[in-house]
Amino acid sequence: MGANAGDAARRGKGGGRGPAGGGGGIGRGALLEPALVAALRLADGTLDQVAERLAALTNGALSPDGSEIVGALQSLERQGIAVSVRTQEGDAPVSRTWRLTAEGRVRTLAIAERLHERARLTERIAAVLESRGDVR
């Protein structure tokens, strides 16, 4: 693994991250793709709309910059979970509208189950960290 990929993996972004909600590092980066799937599950949207929905869903806990969001959306696109359509109205600049694909809508339940499993593991780890070593 190159230095950049290793750095990204330690930050929980990129490097070794599997399909949305699968694997990834500790922290917010491990939640970005599943959170974006949830945001798109609610409604299609432009980058700004998706970013606003993401912030609302997470009470501001996830507030990546636009390039991080676009990178994660492009990853979802490569996985067949999301797709973007370029649109232009009048003299406005070209924008993209992101939406879940039919496959992405089907996969939301599997993504949710992986998040539930991650939550169970997180609770177990937190219990050990809070204990004096007597958790079984």
N, C-alpha and C. Protein backbone atom coordinates (compact mmCIF):
# COMPACT_ATOMS: atom_id res chain seq x y z
N MET A 1 0.86 -1.17 0.00
CA MET A 1 0.00 0.00 0.00
C MET A 1 0.90 1.22 0.00
N GLY A 2 0.68 2.15 -0.92
CA GLY A 2 1.48 3.37 -0.99
C GLY A 2 1.22 4.29 0.18
N ALA A 3 2.09 5.26 0.33
CA ALA A 3 1.96 6.18 1.47
C ALA A 3 0.62 6.90 1.46
N ASN A 4 0.18 7.35 0.30
CA ASN A 4 -1.09 8.07 0.24
C ASN A 4 -2.26 7.17 0.59
N ALA A 5 -2.26 5.94 0.06
CA ALA A 5 -3.35 5.02 0.37
C ALA A 5 -3.36 4.67 1.84
N GLY A 6 -2.17 4.47 2.43
CA GLY A 6 -2.10 4.17 3.85
C GLY A 6 -2.60 5.32 4.70
N ASP A 7 -2.21 6.54 4.33
CA ASP A 7 -2.70 7.72 5.04
C ASP A 7 -4.21 7.81 4.95
N ALA A 8 -4.75 7.56 3.75
CA ALA A 8 -6.20 7.62 3.56
C ALA A 8 -6.90 6.56 4.40
N ALA A 9 -6.34 5.36 4.43
CA ALA A 9 -6.97 4.29 5.21
C ALA A 9 -6.97 4.63 6.70
N ARG A 10 -5.89 5.22 7.19
CA ARG A 10 -5.83 5.59 8.60
C ARG A 10 -6.86 6.66 8.93
N ARG A 11 -7.17 7.51 7.97
CA ARG A 11 -8.17 8.56 8.19
C ARG A 11 -9.58 8.03 7.97
N GLY A 12 -9.70 6.79 7.48
CA GLY A 12 -11.03 6.23 7.23
C GLY A 12 -11.60 6.65 5.90
N LYS A 13 -10.75 7.06 4.98
CA LYS A 13 -11.22 7.48 3.66
C LYS A 13 -10.47 6.69 2.62
N GLY A 14 -11.19 6.29 1.58
CA GLY A 14 -10.55 5.62 0.46
C GLY A 14 -9.81 4.38 0.90
N GLY A 15 -8.64 4.13 0.29
CA GLY A 15 -7.75 3.04 0.60
C GLY A 15 -8.36 1.85 1.31
N GLY A 16 -8.80 0.87 0.60
CA GLY A 16 -9.28 -0.35 1.20
C GLY A 16 -10.76 -0.33 1.56
N ARG A 17 -11.43 0.73 1.31
CA ARG A 17 -12.86 0.79 1.64
C ARG A 17 -13.61 -0.07 0.63
N GLY A 18 -14.50 -0.89 1.14
CA GLY A 18 -15.29 -1.76 0.28
C GLY A 18 -16.55 -1.05 -0.16
N PRO A 19 -17.56 -1.83 -0.55
CA PRO A 19 -18.83 -1.24 -0.97
C PRO A 19 -19.42 -0.39 0.14
N ALA A 20 -20.30 0.47 -0.22
CA ALA A 20 -20.90 1.41 0.74
C ALA A 20 -21.25 0.70 2.03
N GLY A 21 -20.69 1.21 3.12
CA GLY A 21 -21.00 0.66 4.42
C GLY A 21 -20.19 -0.56 4.79
N GLY A 22 -19.32 -1.02 3.91
CA GLY A 22 -18.55 -2.21 4.22
C GLY A 22 -17.10 -1.88 4.45
N GLY A 23 -16.62 -2.11 5.63
CA GLY A 23 -15.21 -1.89 5.91
C GLY A 23 -14.91 -0.42 6.08
N GLY A 24 -13.68 -0.07 5.84
CA GLY A 24 -13.27 1.31 6.01
C GLY A 24 -12.66 1.51 7.38
N GLY A 25 -12.13 2.67 7.58
CA GLY A 25 -11.44 2.97 8.83
C GLY A 25 -12.38 3.46 9.90
N ILE A 26 -11.77 3.87 10.98
CA ILE A 26 -12.52 4.44 12.09
C ILE A 26 -12.87 5.88 11.74
N GLY A 27 -14.00 6.34 12.19
CA GLY A 27 -14.31 7.75 12.06
C GLY A 27 -15.35 8.05 11.01
N ARG A 28 -15.45 9.35 10.75
CA ARG A 28 -16.50 9.84 9.87
C ARG A 28 -16.38 9.32 8.45
N GLY A 29 -15.16 9.13 7.96
CA GLY A 29 -14.98 8.66 6.59
C GLY A 29 -15.63 7.33 6.32
N ALA A 30 -15.68 6.48 7.34
CA ALA A 30 -16.30 5.17 7.20
C ALA A 30 -17.81 5.26 7.05
N LEU A 31 -18.38 6.39 7.39
CA LEU A 31 -19.83 6.58 7.32
C LEU A 31 -20.29 7.41 6.13
N LEU A 32 -19.36 8.02 5.42
CA LEU A 32 -19.75 8.95 4.37
C LEU A 32 -20.58 8.29 3.28
N GLU A 33 -20.11 7.20 2.71
CA GLU A 33 -20.87 6.57 1.63
C GLU A 33 -22.25 6.09 2.08
N PRO A 34 -22.34 5.36 3.21
CA PRO A 34 -23.70 4.96 3.63
C PRO A 34 -24.61 6.16 3.92
N ALA A 35 -24.04 7.22 4.48
CA ALA A 35 -24.85 8.42 4.74
C ALA A 35 -25.32 9.07 3.44
N LEU A 36 -24.47 9.05 2.43
CA LEU A 36 -24.88 9.59 1.13
C LEU A 36 -25.97 8.72 0.50
N VAL A 37 -25.87 7.41 0.66
CA VAL A 37 -26.93 6.52 0.16
C VAL A 37 -28.24 6.88 0.86
N ALA A 38 -28.19 7.11 2.17
CA ALA A 38 -29.41 7.49 2.91
C ALA A 38 -29.95 8.81 2.39
N ALA A 39 -29.06 9.78 2.15
CA ALA A 39 -29.50 11.08 1.64
C ALA A 39 -30.18 10.93 0.28
N LEU A 40 -29.61 10.10 -0.58
CA LEU A 40 -30.20 9.88 -1.90
C LEU A 40 -31.47 9.03 -1.82
N ARG A 41 -31.58 8.21 -0.79
CA ARG A 41 -32.79 7.41 -0.59
C ARG A 41 -33.97 8.33 -0.32
N LEU A 42 -33.69 9.46 0.33
CA LEU A 42 -34.75 10.43 0.62
C LEU A 42 -35.17 11.20 -0.62
N ALA A 43 -34.18 11.59 -1.44
CA ALA A 43 -34.50 12.35 -2.65
C ALA A 43 -33.25 12.51 -3.51
N ASP A 44 -33.47 12.60 -4.82
CA ASP A 44 -32.39 12.93 -5.74
C ASP A 44 -31.92 14.35 -5.42
N GLY A 45 -30.72 14.69 -5.88
CA GLY A 45 -30.30 16.06 -5.64
C GLY A 45 -28.99 16.43 -6.28
N THR A 46 -28.80 17.73 -6.39
CA THR A 46 -27.53 18.29 -6.84
C THR A 46 -26.54 18.16 -5.69
N LEU A 47 -25.29 18.48 -5.95
CA LEU A 47 -24.27 18.41 -4.91
C LEU A 47 -24.67 19.22 -3.68
N ASP A 48 -25.13 20.44 -3.89
CA ASP A 48 -25.53 21.30 -2.77
C ASP A 48 -26.71 20.69 -2.00
N GLN A 49 -27.68 20.16 -2.72
CA GLN A 49 -28.84 19.56 -2.06
C GLN A 49 -28.45 18.32 -1.26
N VAL A 50 -27.58 17.49 -1.85
CA VAL A 50 -27.12 16.29 -1.16
C VAL A 50 -26.32 16.68 0.08
N ALA A 51 -25.45 17.69 -0.04
CA ALA A 51 -24.65 18.14 1.10
C ALA A 51 -25.54 18.65 2.23
N GLU A 52 -26.58 19.41 1.88
CA GLU A 52 -27.51 19.92 2.90
C GLU A 52 -28.25 18.77 3.57
N ARG A 53 -28.70 17.81 2.78
CA ARG A 53 -29.43 16.66 3.33
C ARG A 53 -28.51 15.83 4.23
N LEU A 54 -27.25 15.67 3.82
CA LEU A 54 -26.27 14.93 4.61
C LEU A 54 -26.07 15.61 5.98
N ALA A 55 -25.91 16.92 5.96
CA ALA A 55 -25.73 17.66 7.21
C ALA A 55 -26.96 17.52 8.10
N ALA A 56 -28.15 17.58 7.51
CA ALA A 56 -29.39 17.46 8.28
C ALA A 56 -29.53 16.05 8.87
N LEU A 57 -29.22 15.03 8.07
CA LEU A 57 -29.33 13.64 8.53
C LEU A 57 -28.42 13.35 9.71
N THR A 58 -27.27 13.97 9.72
CA THR A 58 -26.25 13.65 10.72
C THR A 58 -26.11 14.75 11.78
N ASN A 59 -27.05 15.67 11.79
CA ASN A 59 -26.98 16.81 12.73
C ASN A 59 -25.62 17.50 12.66
N GLY A 60 -25.08 17.60 11.47
CA GLY A 60 -23.82 18.28 11.25
C GLY A 60 -22.58 17.48 11.59
N ALA A 61 -22.74 16.23 12.07
CA ALA A 61 -21.58 15.40 12.42
C ALA A 61 -20.74 15.08 11.19
N LEU A 62 -21.38 14.94 10.05
CA LEU A 62 -20.67 14.74 8.79
C LEU A 62 -20.81 16.02 7.98
N SER A 63 -19.70 16.70 7.77
CA SER A 63 -19.74 17.92 6.97
C SER A 63 -18.50 17.97 6.08
N PRO A 64 -18.35 16.97 5.19
CA PRO A 64 -17.20 16.96 4.31
C PRO A 64 -17.30 18.07 3.28
N ASP A 65 -16.15 18.42 2.71
CA ASP A 65 -16.19 19.45 1.68
C ASP A 65 -16.74 18.84 0.39
N GLY A 66 -17.04 19.70 -0.55
CA GLY A 66 -17.65 19.27 -1.80
C GLY A 66 -16.85 18.22 -2.55
N SER A 67 -15.52 18.34 -2.54
CA SER A 67 -14.70 17.37 -3.27
C SER A 67 -14.77 15.99 -2.62
N GLU A 68 -14.88 15.93 -1.29
CA GLU A 68 -15.03 14.64 -0.62
C GLU A 68 -16.38 14.00 -0.97
N ILE A 69 -17.41 14.83 -1.01
CA ILE A 69 -18.74 14.32 -1.35
C ILE A 69 -18.75 13.82 -2.79
N VAL A 70 -18.19 14.61 -3.71
CA VAL A 70 -18.16 14.18 -5.11
C VAL A 70 -17.37 12.89 -5.25
N GLY A 71 -16.24 12.78 -4.57
CA GLY A 71 -15.44 11.55 -4.63
C GLY A 71 -16.23 10.35 -4.16
N ALA A 72 -16.97 10.51 -3.05
CA ALA A 72 -17.77 9.41 -2.52
C ALA A 72 -18.94 9.09 -3.46
N LEU A 73 -19.56 10.12 -4.03
CA LEU A 73 -20.65 9.87 -4.99
C LEU A 73 -20.13 9.17 -6.23
N GLN A 74 -18.94 9.52 -6.69
CA GLN A 74 -18.35 8.84 -7.84
C GLN A 74 -18.03 7.38 -7.50
N SER A 75 -17.59 7.13 -6.28
CA SER A 75 -17.37 5.75 -5.83
C SER A 75 -18.68 4.97 -5.86
N LEU A 76 -19.76 5.58 -5.36
CA LEU A 76 -21.07 4.93 -5.41
C LEU A 76 -21.50 4.68 -6.85
N GLU A 77 -21.14 5.60 -7.73
CA GLU A 77 -21.48 5.43 -9.15
C GLU A 77 -20.72 4.23 -9.73
N ARG A 78 -19.42 4.10 -9.40
CA ARG A 78 -18.63 2.96 -9.88
C ARG A 78 -19.18 1.63 -9.36
N GLN A 79 -19.77 1.66 -8.16
CA GLN A 79 -20.34 0.46 -7.56
C GLN A 79 -21.73 0.14 -8.10
N GLY A 80 -22.28 1.03 -8.93
CA GLY A 80 -23.60 0.82 -9.48
C GLY A 80 -24.73 1.20 -8.54
N ILE A 81 -24.41 1.91 -7.47
CA ILE A 81 -25.41 2.28 -6.46
C ILE A 81 -26.07 3.61 -6.81
N ALA A 82 -25.31 4.52 -7.40
CA ALA A 82 -25.83 5.85 -7.74
C ALA A 82 -25.46 6.18 -9.18
N VAL A 83 -26.14 7.16 -9.71
CA VAL A 83 -25.85 7.66 -11.06
C VAL A 83 -26.07 9.16 -11.05
N SER A 84 -25.34 9.85 -11.91
CA SER A 84 -25.54 11.29 -12.03
C SER A 84 -25.96 11.63 -13.45
N VAL A 85 -26.78 12.64 -13.54
CA VAL A 85 -27.25 13.15 -14.83
C VAL A 85 -26.87 14.61 -14.91
N ARG A 86 -26.18 14.98 -15.98
CA ARG A 86 -25.80 16.39 -16.17
C ARG A 86 -27.00 17.15 -16.71
N THR A 87 -27.24 18.31 -16.12
CA THR A 87 -28.35 19.14 -16.56
C THR A 87 -27.89 20.59 -16.68
N GLN A 88 -28.57 21.32 -17.54
CA GLN A 88 -28.31 22.74 -17.68
C GLN A 88 -29.62 23.44 -17.99
N GLU A 89 -29.88 24.48 -17.23
CA GLU A 89 -31.08 25.27 -17.45
C GLU A 89 -30.69 26.68 -17.82
N GLY A 90 -31.08 27.12 -18.98
CA GLY A 90 -30.78 28.48 -19.42
C GLY A 90 -29.29 28.73 -19.46
N ASP A 91 -28.88 29.86 -18.89
CA ASP A 91 -27.48 30.24 -18.88
C ASP A 91 -26.74 29.71 -17.65
N ALA A 92 -27.44 28.99 -16.81
CA ALA A 92 -26.81 28.46 -15.59
C ALA A 92 -25.73 27.46 -15.96
N PRO A 93 -24.70 27.32 -15.11
CA PRO A 93 -23.67 26.33 -15.39
C PRO A 93 -24.24 24.91 -15.36
N VAL A 94 -23.57 24.01 -16.03
CA VAL A 94 -23.97 22.61 -16.04
C VAL A 94 -23.85 22.08 -14.62
N SER A 95 -24.85 21.35 -14.18
CA SER A 95 -24.79 20.74 -12.86
C SER A 95 -25.13 19.27 -12.99
N ARG A 96 -24.86 18.53 -11.94
CA ARG A 96 -25.19 17.11 -11.91
C ARG A 96 -26.30 16.90 -10.88
N THR A 97 -27.22 16.05 -11.21
CA THR A 97 -28.22 15.60 -10.26
C THR A 97 -27.94 14.13 -9.99
N TRP A 98 -27.78 13.80 -8.71
CA TRP A 98 -27.46 12.44 -8.30
C TRP A 98 -28.71 11.72 -7.84
N ARG A 99 -28.79 10.41 -8.14
CA ARG A 99 -29.91 9.59 -7.68
C ARG A 99 -29.43 8.17 -7.50
N LEU A 100 -30.19 7.40 -6.71
CA LEU A 100 -29.89 5.98 -6.57
C LEU A 100 -30.35 5.25 -7.82
N THR A 101 -29.62 4.22 -8.19
CA THR A 101 -30.05 3.34 -9.27
C THR A 101 -31.04 2.34 -8.69
N ALA A 102 -31.67 1.56 -9.57
CA ALA A 102 -32.57 0.50 -9.09
C ALA A 102 -31.78 -0.47 -8.22
N GLU A 103 -30.57 -0.82 -8.63
CA GLU A 103 -29.71 -1.70 -7.83
C GLU A 103 -29.38 -1.06 -6.49
N GLY A 104 -29.11 0.24 -6.51
CA GLY A 104 -28.80 0.95 -5.27
C GLY A 104 -29.96 0.90 -4.30
N ARG A 105 -31.18 1.03 -4.80
CA ARG A 105 -32.36 0.97 -3.93
C ARG A 105 -32.50 -0.42 -3.31
N VAL A 106 -32.20 -1.45 -4.09
CA VAL A 106 -32.26 -2.82 -3.57
C VAL A 106 -31.18 -3.03 -2.51
N ARG A 107 -30.01 -2.47 -2.73
CA ARG A 107 -28.88 -2.69 -1.82
C ARG A 107 -28.96 -1.89 -0.53
N THR A 108 -29.92 -0.97 -0.40
CA THR A 108 -30.00 -0.17 0.82
C THR A 108 -30.22 -1.04 2.06
N LEU A 109 -30.97 -2.12 1.95
CA LEU A 109 -31.19 -2.98 3.11
C LEU A 109 -29.90 -3.67 3.55
N ALA A 110 -29.09 -4.11 2.59
CA ALA A 110 -27.81 -4.74 2.93
C ALA A 110 -26.87 -3.71 3.56
N ILE A 111 -26.88 -2.50 3.06
CA ILE A 111 -26.05 -1.43 3.63
C ILE A 111 -26.50 -1.15 5.06
N ALA A 112 -27.81 -1.11 5.27
CA ALA A 112 -28.34 -0.88 6.62
C ALA A 112 -27.91 -2.00 7.57
N GLU A 113 -27.95 -3.24 7.12
CA GLU A 113 -27.54 -4.35 7.97
C GLU A 113 -26.06 -4.25 8.34
N ARG A 114 -25.22 -3.85 7.39
CA ARG A 114 -23.80 -3.68 7.71
C ARG A 114 -23.61 -2.56 8.73
N LEU A 115 -24.40 -1.51 8.64
CA LEU A 115 -24.32 -0.44 9.64
C LEU A 115 -24.77 -0.92 11.01
N HIS A 116 -25.82 -1.75 11.06
CA HIS A 116 -26.26 -2.30 12.34
C HIS A 116 -25.17 -3.19 12.94
N GLU A 117 -24.52 -3.99 12.12
CA GLU A 117 -23.43 -4.84 12.61
C GLU A 117 -22.28 -3.98 13.12
N ARG A 118 -21.95 -2.92 12.40
CA ARG A 118 -20.90 -2.00 12.84
C ARG A 118 -21.28 -1.37 14.18
N ALA A 119 -22.55 -1.02 14.35
CA ALA A 119 -23.00 -0.42 15.61
C ALA A 119 -22.85 -1.42 16.75
N ARG A 120 -23.21 -2.69 16.50
CA ARG A 120 -23.06 -3.71 17.55
C ARG A 120 -21.59 -3.87 17.94
N LEU A 121 -20.71 -3.90 16.94
CA LEU A 121 -19.27 -4.02 17.23
C LEU A 121 -18.75 -2.79 17.96
N THR A 122 -19.21 -1.63 17.55
CA THR A 122 -18.79 -0.39 18.20
C THR A 122 -19.21 -0.39 19.67
N GLU A 123 -20.42 -0.83 19.96
CA GLU A 123 -20.90 -0.90 21.34
C GLU A 123 -20.04 -1.86 22.15
N ARG A 124 -19.69 -2.99 21.58
CA ARG A 124 -18.85 -3.98 22.27
C ARG A 124 -17.48 -3.39 22.58
N ILE A 125 -16.89 -2.74 21.60
CA ILE A 125 -15.56 -2.13 21.79
C ILE A 125 -15.64 -1.03 22.85
N ALA A 126 -16.68 -0.20 22.78
CA ALA A 126 -16.85 0.88 23.77
C ALA A 126 -17.00 0.30 25.17
N ALA A 127 -17.72 -0.81 25.30
CA ALA A 127 -17.91 -1.44 26.61
C ALA A 127 -16.57 -1.91 27.17
N VAL A 128 -15.73 -2.49 26.31
CA VAL A 128 -14.41 -2.93 26.76
C VAL A 128 -13.57 -1.73 27.17
N LEU A 129 -13.61 -0.67 26.39
CA LEU A 129 -12.82 0.52 26.71
C LEU A 129 -13.26 1.17 28.02
N GLU A 130 -14.55 1.11 28.31
CA GLU A 130 -15.08 1.71 29.53
C GLU A 130 -14.90 0.81 30.76
N SER A 131 -14.67 -0.46 30.52
CA SER A 131 -14.57 -1.41 31.63
C SER A 131 -13.17 -1.44 32.22
N ARG A 132 -13.03 -2.24 33.22
CA ARG A 132 -11.72 -2.48 33.82
C ARG A 132 -11.18 -3.80 33.33
N GLY A 133 -11.62 -4.22 32.16
CA GLY A 133 -11.12 -5.46 31.58
C GLY A 133 -11.96 -6.66 31.92
N ASP A 134 -13.12 -6.47 32.55
CA ASP A 134 -13.94 -7.61 32.95
C ASP A 134 -15.13 -7.88 32.04
N VAL A 135 -15.17 -7.29 30.86
CA VAL A 135 -16.25 -7.52 29.91
C VAL A 135 -15.99 -8.83 29.20
N ARG A 136 -17.01 -9.65 29.07
CA ARG A 136 -16.86 -10.96 28.38
C ARG A 136 -17.75 -11.04 27.21
